[in-house]
């Protein structure tokens, strides 16, 4: 028999065994997380987990949260209690690896195979994420082991270990739900005897976990073929789990617009058509009620054409309420003319004029409150009078996106100026984001 015929079955056998071994490894990994309610952040976490086929078990869903909040130095003890209870069912499974992570502010950037490989390379039974900043008790800094390279301090938002060792880690927990989980795990780690017996280490170089707080300047996007990763420039690593801890939620939102395959140069946006709401089967009187807030805050050329375009929207006017704030005496006649000619076509019209002496910010709040206080009002559409809406289907298109909030990108023809803020500065003002120009020019859509 030719040698090639002998090699082919052997090669196929090895491939099958490799696939089985990989699957077996994945079966020995379980992700535990805590989420008391399903938020947008939680759904983002789920989407990234499903992309890589992680096996997830959610703890505490629909349970009332008593674990404090991010603004307090205490809190999170409820997560330890839930984890301790869950681990009772796995404590004797010596080969089971469990990843515990936050969910509301976490995304996965890679899959189980890479996670397990990096965990085993760490040669510890439990590996915690690491941070640049110490929290919640700075007085403990002197007790931390010195490190020559990487981040020195423990982060409780993500850790991975063998089930029996994690069970041992939380065995002494007797705290309240409002106590600090970070302080509890820090105390265990800083006890040399417990650290040694459990065999705990920190992911100093962010090979597994990337905490963004204190590290924003280190993390950039890395575009691969059809995939996007976060790269840590300081450690030259590609973390698997990205955590927007502390005041870094906006930066996580930015990364989450791309990772793992939300937007790539090859595919464009892969989720923009998900969860759409169809209006095509609804009769006119069953369409959602919309309140349109119109704001004339400065002398505005072409105000009459603006009202004409408003009239041409492909949406039944009896399903539209109008709130008009006119700050300019100059435009009184145009507003009055529009209301007199077309006001009765709409479900209702409320005008706040110059004589009412209502400032712009207060008027905008009034418009939102009108919708919020009306049980029938489903959507609020805010528009300034100097904005040109060319597409008469705009309202329908926006509603069909089925999102809580959609912010417009309004630009000036041939200019880089827009009302889009790609990022915020530390004091809450405009900052230029890495992707600003590409978005404004329509290259990343």
Protein backbone atom coordinates (compact mmCIF):
# COMPACT_ATOMS: atom_id res chain seq x y z
CA UNK A 1 0.00 0.00 0.00
CA UNK A 2 1.39 3.47 -0.89
CA UNK A 3 2.73 5.48 2.05
CA UNK A 4 0.35 8.37 1.27
CA UNK A 5 -2.66 6.11 1.89
CA UNK A 6 -1.26 5.17 5.30
CA UNK A 7 -0.52 8.77 6.24
CA UNK A 8 -3.97 10.12 5.32
CA UNK A 9 -5.97 8.03 7.86
CA UNK A 10 -3.32 8.79 10.49
CA UNK A 11 -3.59 12.50 9.78
CA UNK A 12 -7.38 12.37 9.98
CA UNK A 13 -7.18 10.46 13.26
CA UNK A 14 -4.83 13.05 14.74
CA UNK A 15 -7.12 15.86 13.61
CA UNK A 16 -10.12 14.19 15.24
CA UNK A 17 -8.20 13.65 18.47
CA UNK A 18 -7.08 17.28 18.44
CA UNK A 19 -10.62 18.50 17.97
CA UNK A 20 -11.84 16.21 20.72
CA UNK A 21 -9.06 17.39 23.03
CA UNK A 22 -9.93 21.04 22.36
CA UNK A 23 -13.62 20.38 23.01
CA UNK A 24 -12.73 18.48 26.16
CA UNK A 25 -10.70 21.47 27.36
CA UNK A 26 -13.63 23.80 26.71
CA UNK A 27 -15.94 21.47 28.62
CA UNK A 28 -13.61 21.88 31.62
CA UNK A 29 -14.17 25.65 31.67
CA UNK A 30 -17.13 27.42 33.25
CA UNK A 31 -17.71 31.17 33.44
CA UNK A 32 -19.56 32.44 36.51
CA UNK A 33 -20.83 35.99 36.70
CA UNK A 34 -23.29 38.03 38.76
CA UNK A 35 -26.11 40.04 37.22
CA UNK A 36 -29.26 40.89 39.14
CA UNK A 37 -30.91 42.38 36.05
CA UNK A 38 -30.37 42.33 32.31
CA UNK A 39 -28.91 45.67 31.25
CA UNK A 40 -27.45 46.82 27.94
CA UNK A 41 -24.02 46.14 29.42
CA UNK A 42 -25.04 42.62 30.39
CA UNK A 43 -26.35 41.93 26.88
CA UNK A 44 -23.06 43.19 25.43
CA UNK A 45 -21.21 40.78 27.74
CA UNK A 46 -23.48 37.92 26.66
CA UNK A 47 -22.97 38.73 22.98
CA UNK A 48 -19.19 38.58 23.29
CA UNK A 49 -19.39 35.35 25.32
CA UNK A 50 -21.64 33.72 22.75
CA UNK A 51 -19.33 34.80 19.94
CA UNK A 52 -16.58 32.65 21.47
CA UNK A 53 -18.89 29.87 22.74
CA UNK A 54 -18.16 30.38 26.43
CA UNK A 55 -20.32 28.40 28.81
CA UNK A 56 -21.88 30.98 31.15
CA UNK A 57 -23.78 30.60 34.40
CA UNK A 58 -25.40 33.78 35.73
CA UNK A 59 -25.76 34.13 39.49
CA UNK A 60 -28.34 36.32 41.26
CA UNK A 61 -30.54 37.11 38.27
CA UNK A 62 -33.74 38.90 39.39
CA UNK A 63 -32.40 39.09 42.94
CA UNK A 64 -32.47 42.48 44.63
CA UNK A 65 -29.05 44.10 44.70
CA UNK A 66 -27.67 44.97 48.14
CA UNK A 67 -24.01 45.14 47.20
CA UNK A 68 -23.52 48.93 47.10
CA UNK A 69 -22.31 50.88 44.07
CA UNK A 70 -19.10 51.95 42.35
CA UNK A 71 -19.08 55.33 44.09
CA UNK A 72 -18.48 53.79 47.51
CA UNK A 73 -15.34 52.11 48.76
CA UNK A 74 -17.45 49.31 50.19
CA UNK A 75 -19.70 46.98 48.29
CA UNK A 76 -19.74 43.83 46.25
CA UNK A 77 -20.03 41.37 49.12
CA UNK A 78 -23.19 40.00 47.55
CA UNK A 79 -21.05 38.68 44.69
CA UNK A 80 -18.86 36.75 47.12
CA UNK A 81 -21.90 35.25 48.82
CA UNK A 82 -23.39 34.14 45.50
CA UNK A 83 -20.07 32.73 44.32
CA UNK A 84 -19.49 30.82 47.55
CA UNK A 85 -22.91 29.23 47.27
CA UNK A 86 -22.42 28.32 43.60
CA UNK A 87 -19.00 26.76 44.23
CA UNK A 88 -20.47 24.25 46.65
CA UNK A 89 -21.63 22.26 43.64
CA UNK A 90 -18.20 22.22 42.01
CA UNK A 91 -15.76 21.98 44.94
CA UNK A 92 -14.81 18.33 44.20
CA UNK A 93 -14.20 18.82 40.45
CA UNK A 94 -10.42 19.06 40.41
CA UNK A 95 -10.05 19.57 36.66
CA UNK A 96 -12.78 22.18 36.31
CA UNK A 97 -11.45 25.69 35.66
CA UNK A 98 -13.81 28.51 36.65
CA UNK A 99 -13.55 32.07 35.46
CA UNK A 100 -15.36 34.58 37.68
CA UNK A 101 -15.90 37.97 36.11
CA UNK A 102 -18.09 41.04 36.22
CA UNK A 103 -20.67 41.28 33.45
CA UNK A 104 -22.08 44.81 33.15
CA UNK A 105 -18.72 46.30 32.23
CA UNK A 106 -16.83 43.37 30.70
CA UNK A 107 -16.32 42.06 27.17
CA UNK A 108 -14.43 39.03 25.90
CA UNK A 109 -11.74 39.63 23.28
CA UNK A 110 -10.75 36.00 22.72
CA UNK A 111 -11.98 32.49 23.32
CA UNK A 112 -11.67 29.64 25.82
CA UNK A 113 -8.62 28.00 24.19
CA UNK A 114 -6.45 31.11 24.60
CA UNK A 115 -7.82 31.77 28.08
CA UNK A 116 -7.00 28.27 29.30
CA UNK A 117 -3.57 28.31 27.67
CA UNK A 118 -2.60 31.57 29.37
CA UNK A 119 -4.02 30.42 32.70
CA UNK A 120 -1.97 27.23 32.65
CA UNK A 121 1.14 29.15 31.63
CA UNK A 122 0.74 31.21 34.80
CA UNK A 123 1.41 28.00 36.80
CA UNK A 124 -0.85 29.05 39.66
CA UNK A 125 -4.08 27.52 40.89
CA UNK A 126 -5.80 30.92 41.08
CA UNK A 127 -4.94 34.03 39.03
CA UNK A 128 -6.44 37.45 39.79
CA UNK A 129 -6.48 40.47 37.52
CA UNK A 130 -4.06 43.24 38.42
CA UNK A 131 -4.34 47.02 38.61
CA UNK A 132 -2.14 50.10 38.65
CA UNK A 133 -4.22 51.69 41.42
CA UNK A 134 -4.71 50.26 44.90
CA UNK A 135 -8.30 50.04 46.14
CA UNK A 136 -10.06 50.34 48.57
CA UNK A 137 -7.43 50.75 51.34
CA UNK A 138 -4.20 52.54 50.45
CA UNK A 139 -2.71 51.64 53.82
CA UNK A 140 -2.30 48.08 52.54
CA UNK A 141 0.17 49.11 49.84
CA UNK A 142 3.25 48.30 51.91
CA UNK A 143 2.05 44.72 52.40
CA UNK A 144 1.92 43.97 48.66
CA UNK A 145 4.81 41.97 47.23
CA UNK A 146 7.11 44.06 45.04
CA UNK A 147 7.07 43.38 41.29
CA UNK A 148 9.76 44.26 38.78
CA UNK A 149 7.43 44.40 35.83
CA UNK A 150 3.71 45.03 35.39
CA UNK A 151 0.90 45.98 37.72
CA UNK A 152 1.25 45.38 41.43
CA UNK A 153 -2.24 45.48 42.94
CA UNK A 154 -5.10 42.96 42.96
CA UNK A 155 -8.33 43.57 41.07
CA UNK A 156 -11.40 41.60 42.15
CA UNK A 157 -13.36 42.13 38.92
CA UNK A 158 -11.88 39.04 37.32
CA UNK A 159 -10.10 35.90 38.46
CA UNK A 160 -9.68 32.34 37.26
CA UNK A 161 -8.80 29.12 39.03
CA UNK A 162 -9.50 25.48 39.65
CA UNK A 163 -12.84 24.89 41.35
CA UNK A 164 -11.48 23.36 44.60
CA UNK A 165 -9.03 26.23 45.05
CA UNK A 166 -11.68 28.87 44.39
CA UNK A 167 -13.89 27.14 46.94
CA UNK A 168 -11.05 27.38 49.43
CA UNK A 169 -10.56 31.06 48.48
CA UNK A 170 -14.10 32.04 49.56
CA UNK A 171 -14.48 29.50 52.38
CA UNK A 172 -13.94 32.10 55.13
CA UNK A 173 -16.44 34.63 53.76
CA UNK A 174 -18.96 35.59 56.45
CA UNK A 175 -19.48 39.24 55.51
CA UNK A 176 -22.54 41.26 54.60
CA UNK A 177 -23.73 41.87 51.05
CA UNK A 178 -22.66 45.50 51.40
CA UNK A 179 -19.11 44.64 52.50
CA UNK A 180 -16.23 45.04 50.07
CA UNK A 181 -15.40 42.05 47.89
CA UNK A 182 -12.18 43.78 46.80
CA UNK A 183 -11.03 44.16 50.40
CA UNK A 184 -11.91 40.54 51.20
CA UNK A 185 -9.87 39.12 48.31
CA UNK A 186 -7.04 41.56 49.00
CA UNK A 187 -6.87 40.41 52.61
CA UNK A 188 -6.65 36.77 51.51
CA UNK A 189 -3.94 37.55 48.96
CA UNK A 190 -1.86 39.59 51.40
CA UNK A 191 -1.84 36.73 53.92
CA UNK A 192 1.35 34.84 52.91
CA UNK A 193 0.09 31.55 54.31
CA UNK A 194 -3.25 31.69 52.46
CA UNK A 195 -1.62 33.01 49.30
CA UNK A 196 0.77 30.07 49.34
CA UNK A 197 -1.67 27.32 50.29
CA UNK A 198 -4.24 28.36 47.69
CA UNK A 199 -1.45 29.21 45.22
CA UNK A 200 -2.63 32.66 44.14
CA UNK A 201 -0.85 34.97 41.72
CA UNK A 202 -1.69 38.17 39.88
CA UNK A 203 -1.84 38.65 36.13
CA UNK A 204 0.81 41.39 36.34
CA UNK A 205 1.30 41.80 32.57
CA UNK A 206 -2.39 41.73 31.60
CA UNK A 207 -2.13 38.57 29.52
CA UNK A 208 -5.56 37.39 30.68
CA UNK A 209 -7.28 40.42 32.24
CA UNK A 210 -7.20 44.08 31.29
CA UNK A 211 -8.55 46.52 33.88
CA UNK A 212 -8.93 49.89 32.17
CA UNK A 213 -8.87 52.12 35.25
CA UNK A 214 -5.41 53.69 35.44
CA UNK A 215 -4.41 52.15 32.11
CA UNK A 216 -6.31 54.07 29.43
CA UNK A 217 -3.12 55.31 27.79
CA UNK A 218 -1.83 51.75 27.51
CA UNK A 219 -4.73 50.20 25.61
CA UNK A 220 -5.34 50.53 21.87
CA UNK A 221 -7.37 48.65 19.28
CA UNK A 222 -5.60 46.03 17.20
CA UNK A 223 -7.35 45.15 13.96
CA UNK A 224 -6.75 41.60 12.80
CA UNK A 225 -8.25 39.77 9.82
CA UNK A 226 -11.97 40.04 10.49
CA UNK A 227 -11.41 40.46 14.25
CA UNK A 228 -10.52 43.22 16.69
CA UNK A 229 -8.46 42.88 19.87
CA UNK A 230 -7.37 45.23 22.64
CA UNK A 231 -3.60 45.51 22.86
CA UNK A 232 -1.72 46.62 25.96
CA UNK A 233 1.23 48.66 24.72
CA UNK A 234 3.05 48.64 28.07
CA UNK A 235 3.18 44.86 28.35
CA UNK A 236 2.78 44.09 24.63
CA UNK A 237 -0.03 41.70 25.49
CA UNK A 238 -3.44 40.83 24.05
CA UNK A 239 -5.78 40.43 27.04
CA UNK A 240 -8.69 38.02 26.85
CA UNK A 241 -11.07 39.77 29.28
CA UNK A 242 -11.55 43.56 29.12
CA UNK A 243 -12.98 45.22 32.23
CA UNK A 244 -14.13 48.85 32.28
CA UNK A 245 -13.74 49.16 36.03
CA UNK A 246 -14.28 52.40 37.92
CA UNK A 247 -14.74 55.56 35.81
CA UNK A 248 -13.80 53.91 32.49
CA UNK A 249 -17.24 52.91 31.21
CA UNK A 250 -17.04 55.31 28.25
CA UNK A 251 -13.72 53.85 27.15
CA UNK A 252 -15.17 50.35 27.41
CA UNK A 253 -18.11 51.52 25.28
CA UNK A 254 -15.59 52.70 22.67
CA UNK A 255 -13.73 49.37 22.69
CA UNK A 256 -17.04 47.51 22.68
CA UNK A 257 -17.99 49.24 19.43
CA UNK A 258 -15.32 47.06 17.79
CA UNK A 259 -14.38 44.05 19.96
CA UNK A 260 -14.59 41.20 19.13
CA UNK A 261 -16.28 41.60 15.75
CA UNK A 262 -18.84 44.37 16.21
CA UNK A 263 -17.17 46.44 13.49
CA UNK A 264 -14.23 45.49 11.31
CA UNK A 265 -12.79 46.85 8.09
CA UNK A 266 -13.80 43.61 6.35
CA UNK A 267 -17.39 43.32 7.62
CA UNK A 268 -18.47 46.81 8.64
CA UNK A 269 -21.07 46.78 11.43
CA UNK A 270 -22.17 43.22 12.19
CA UNK A 271 -24.88 44.02 14.77
CA UNK A 272 -26.61 47.07 13.33
CA UNK A 273 -29.44 44.99 11.88
CA UNK A 274 -30.09 43.05 15.08
CA UNK A 275 -33.30 43.52 17.08
CA UNK A 276 -35.03 45.84 14.63
CA UNK A 277 -38.66 46.82 15.20
CA UNK A 278 -40.88 46.51 12.15
CA UNK A 279 -43.61 49.10 11.62
CA UNK A 280 -44.78 47.76 8.27
CA UNK A 281 -47.63 45.67 9.69
CA UNK A 282 -49.05 48.39 11.95
CA UNK A 283 -52.03 50.49 11.01
CA UNK A 284 -51.60 54.26 11.24
CA UNK A 285 -53.55 54.59 14.47
CA UNK A 286 -51.39 51.86 16.06
CA UNK A 287 -48.02 53.48 15.31
CA UNK A 288 -46.03 54.70 18.34
CA UNK A 289 -46.86 58.18 19.60
CA UNK A 290 -43.93 60.56 19.06
CA UNK A 291 -43.30 63.95 20.64
CA UNK A 292 -41.10 66.16 18.46
CA UNK A 293 -39.25 68.89 20.34
CA UNK A 294 -38.34 71.79 18.01
CA UNK A 295 -35.84 74.36 19.25
CA UNK A 296 -35.33 77.78 17.64
CA UNK A 297 -32.56 79.16 19.84
CA UNK A 298 -30.98 81.68 17.47
CA UNK A 299 -31.84 83.57 14.28
CA UNK A 300 -32.25 80.75 11.79
CA UNK A 301 -32.22 81.12 7.99
CA UNK A 302 -34.66 79.00 6.04
CA UNK A 303 -37.02 78.41 8.96
CA UNK A 304 -40.00 78.14 6.61
CA UNK A 305 -38.32 75.33 4.59
CA UNK A 306 -37.63 73.61 7.92
CA UNK A 307 -41.36 73.57 8.71
CA UNK A 308 -42.09 72.38 5.16
CA UNK A 309 -39.75 69.40 5.62
CA UNK A 310 -41.42 68.68 8.96
CA UNK A 311 -44.76 68.55 7.16
CA UNK A 312 -43.41 66.03 4.64
CA UNK A 313 -42.36 63.41 7.19
CA UNK A 314 -43.92 60.05 6.32
CA UNK A 315 -45.65 59.61 9.65
CA UNK A 316 -49.31 60.19 10.57
CA UNK A 317 -49.61 63.62 12.14
CA UNK A 318 -52.23 62.41 14.60
CA UNK A 319 -49.46 60.25 16.10
CA UNK A 320 -47.21 63.30 16.54
CA UNK A 321 -47.18 65.88 19.32
CA UNK A 322 -45.19 69.09 18.81
CA UNK A 323 -43.31 71.09 21.41
CA UNK A 324 -41.83 74.30 19.97
CA UNK A 325 -39.45 76.54 21.87
CA UNK A 326 -38.87 79.81 20.02
CA UNK A 327 -36.27 82.04 21.65
CA UNK A 328 -36.26 84.64 18.86
CA UNK A 329 -38.71 87.54 18.40
CA UNK A 330 -37.63 87.58 14.77
CA UNK A 331 -39.29 84.21 14.13
CA UNK A 332 -42.62 84.83 15.90
CA UNK A 333 -44.55 85.37 12.68
CA UNK A 334 -43.19 82.20 11.03
CA UNK A 335 -44.00 80.05 14.06
CA UNK A 336 -47.48 81.56 14.38
CA UNK A 337 -48.12 81.02 10.66
CA UNK A 338 -47.11 77.35 10.85
CA UNK A 339 -49.24 76.67 13.94
CA UNK A 340 -52.26 78.50 12.48
CA UNK A 341 -52.10 76.61 9.17
CA UNK A 342 -51.13 73.14 10.36
CA UNK A 343 -51.51 72.95 14.13
CA UNK A 344 -54.84 71.12 14.04
CA UNK A 345 -53.34 68.37 11.88
CA UNK A 346 -51.22 67.20 14.81
CA UNK A 347 -52.32 65.43 17.96
CA UNK A 348 -51.25 68.50 19.99
CA UNK A 349 -49.02 71.56 19.73
CA UNK A 350 -47.41 73.51 22.58
CA UNK A 351 -45.43 76.68 21.89
CA UNK A 352 -43.11 78.39 24.36
CA UNK A 353 -42.16 81.80 22.99
CA UNK A 354 -39.74 84.66 23.76
CA UNK A 355 -42.21 86.28 26.15
CA UNK A 356 -42.09 83.17 28.37
CA UNK A 357 -38.40 83.83 29.11
CA UNK A 358 -37.48 80.14 29.18
CA UNK A 359 -33.79 79.45 28.57
CA UNK A 360 -32.63 76.78 26.14
CA UNK A 361 -31.62 74.17 28.72
CA UNK A 362 -34.88 74.56 30.65
CA UNK A 363 -36.89 74.35 27.42
CA UNK A 364 -35.16 71.12 26.42
CA UNK A 365 -35.97 69.64 29.80
CA UNK A 366 -39.59 70.76 29.38
CA UNK A 367 -39.82 68.91 26.08
CA UNK A 368 -38.44 65.68 27.52
CA UNK A 369 -40.70 65.98 30.57
CA UNK A 370 -43.78 66.39 28.39
CA UNK A 371 -43.11 62.97 26.87
CA UNK A 372 -41.97 61.37 30.10
CA UNK A 373 -45.11 62.46 31.95
CA UNK A 374 -47.46 61.28 29.19
CA UNK A 375 -48.06 57.49 29.45
CA UNK A 376 -49.00 57.38 25.77
CA UNK A 377 -45.76 58.98 24.56
CA UNK A 378 -43.32 56.29 23.41
CA UNK A 379 -40.61 58.31 21.66
CA UNK A 380 -39.12 61.78 21.96
CA UNK A 381 -37.41 63.30 18.90
CA UNK A 382 -35.39 66.48 19.57
CA UNK A 383 -34.33 68.67 16.65
CA UNK A 384 -32.87 72.17 16.30
CA UNK A 385 -34.39 74.34 13.59
CA UNK A 386 -31.09 74.86 11.75
CA UNK A 387 -30.85 71.11 11.11
CA UNK A 388 -31.82 69.88 7.65
CA UNK A 389 -33.68 66.56 7.61
CA UNK A 390 -33.80 65.43 4.00
CA UNK A 391 -35.18 61.91 4.37
CA UNK A 392 -38.96 61.96 4.94
CA UNK A 393 -38.71 58.45 6.46
CA UNK A 394 -36.40 59.64 9.24
CA UNK A 395 -38.88 59.03 12.08
CA UNK A 396 -39.73 55.53 10.91
CA UNK A 397 -36.08 54.61 10.41
CA UNK A 398 -35.14 55.79 13.90
CA UNK A 399 -38.02 53.97 15.59
CA UNK A 400 -37.25 50.76 13.71
CA UNK A 401 -33.72 50.73 15.17
CA UNK A 402 -35.41 49.80 18.48
CA UNK A 403 -32.81 51.54 20.66
CA UNK A 404 -33.23 53.40 23.94
CA UNK A 405 -31.30 56.45 22.69
CA UNK A 406 -30.00 57.36 19.24
CA UNK A 407 -27.70 60.37 18.97
CA UNK A 408 -27.49 62.02 15.54
CA UNK A 409 -24.33 62.86 13.67
CA UNK A 410 -24.98 66.21 12.00
CA UNK A 411 -22.16 67.62 9.87
CA UNK A 412 -21.32 70.46 7.55
CA UNK A 413 -20.85 69.57 3.91
CA UNK A 414 -17.14 69.21 3.06
CA UNK A 415 -16.06 69.97 6.64
CA UNK A 416 -14.74 67.83 9.49
CA UNK A 417 -17.00 69.69 11.92
CA UNK A 418 -19.90 67.73 13.38
CA UNK A 419 -21.95 67.61 16.55
CA UNK A 420 -20.53 64.14 17.26
CA UNK A 421 -18.30 63.73 20.31
CA UNK A 422 -16.17 60.65 19.91
CA UNK A 423 -14.76 60.99 23.42
CA UNK A 424 -14.89 63.10 26.58
CA UNK A 425 -12.05 64.83 28.37
CA UNK A 426 -11.39 64.21 32.06
CA UNK A 427 -13.53 67.25 32.95
CA UNK A 428 -16.45 66.12 30.79
CA UNK A 429 -15.86 68.24 27.69
CA UNK A 430 -15.12 67.40 24.06
CA UNK A 431 -12.11 65.28 23.21
CA UNK A 432 -11.05 63.97 19.79
CA UNK A 433 -11.33 60.19 19.56
CA UNK A 434 -9.10 57.96 17.46
CA UNK A 435 -11.98 57.08 15.15
CA UNK A 436 -13.57 60.56 14.92
CA UNK A 437 -12.45 61.42 11.37
CA UNK A 438 -13.29 57.97 9.99
CA UNK A 439 -16.80 58.16 11.49
CA UNK A 440 -17.53 61.73 10.39
CA UNK A 441 -16.34 61.00 6.85
CA UNK A 442 -18.44 57.83 6.71
CA UNK A 443 -15.56 55.35 6.56
CA UNK A 444 -16.58 53.52 9.74
CA UNK A 445 -20.33 53.02 9.52
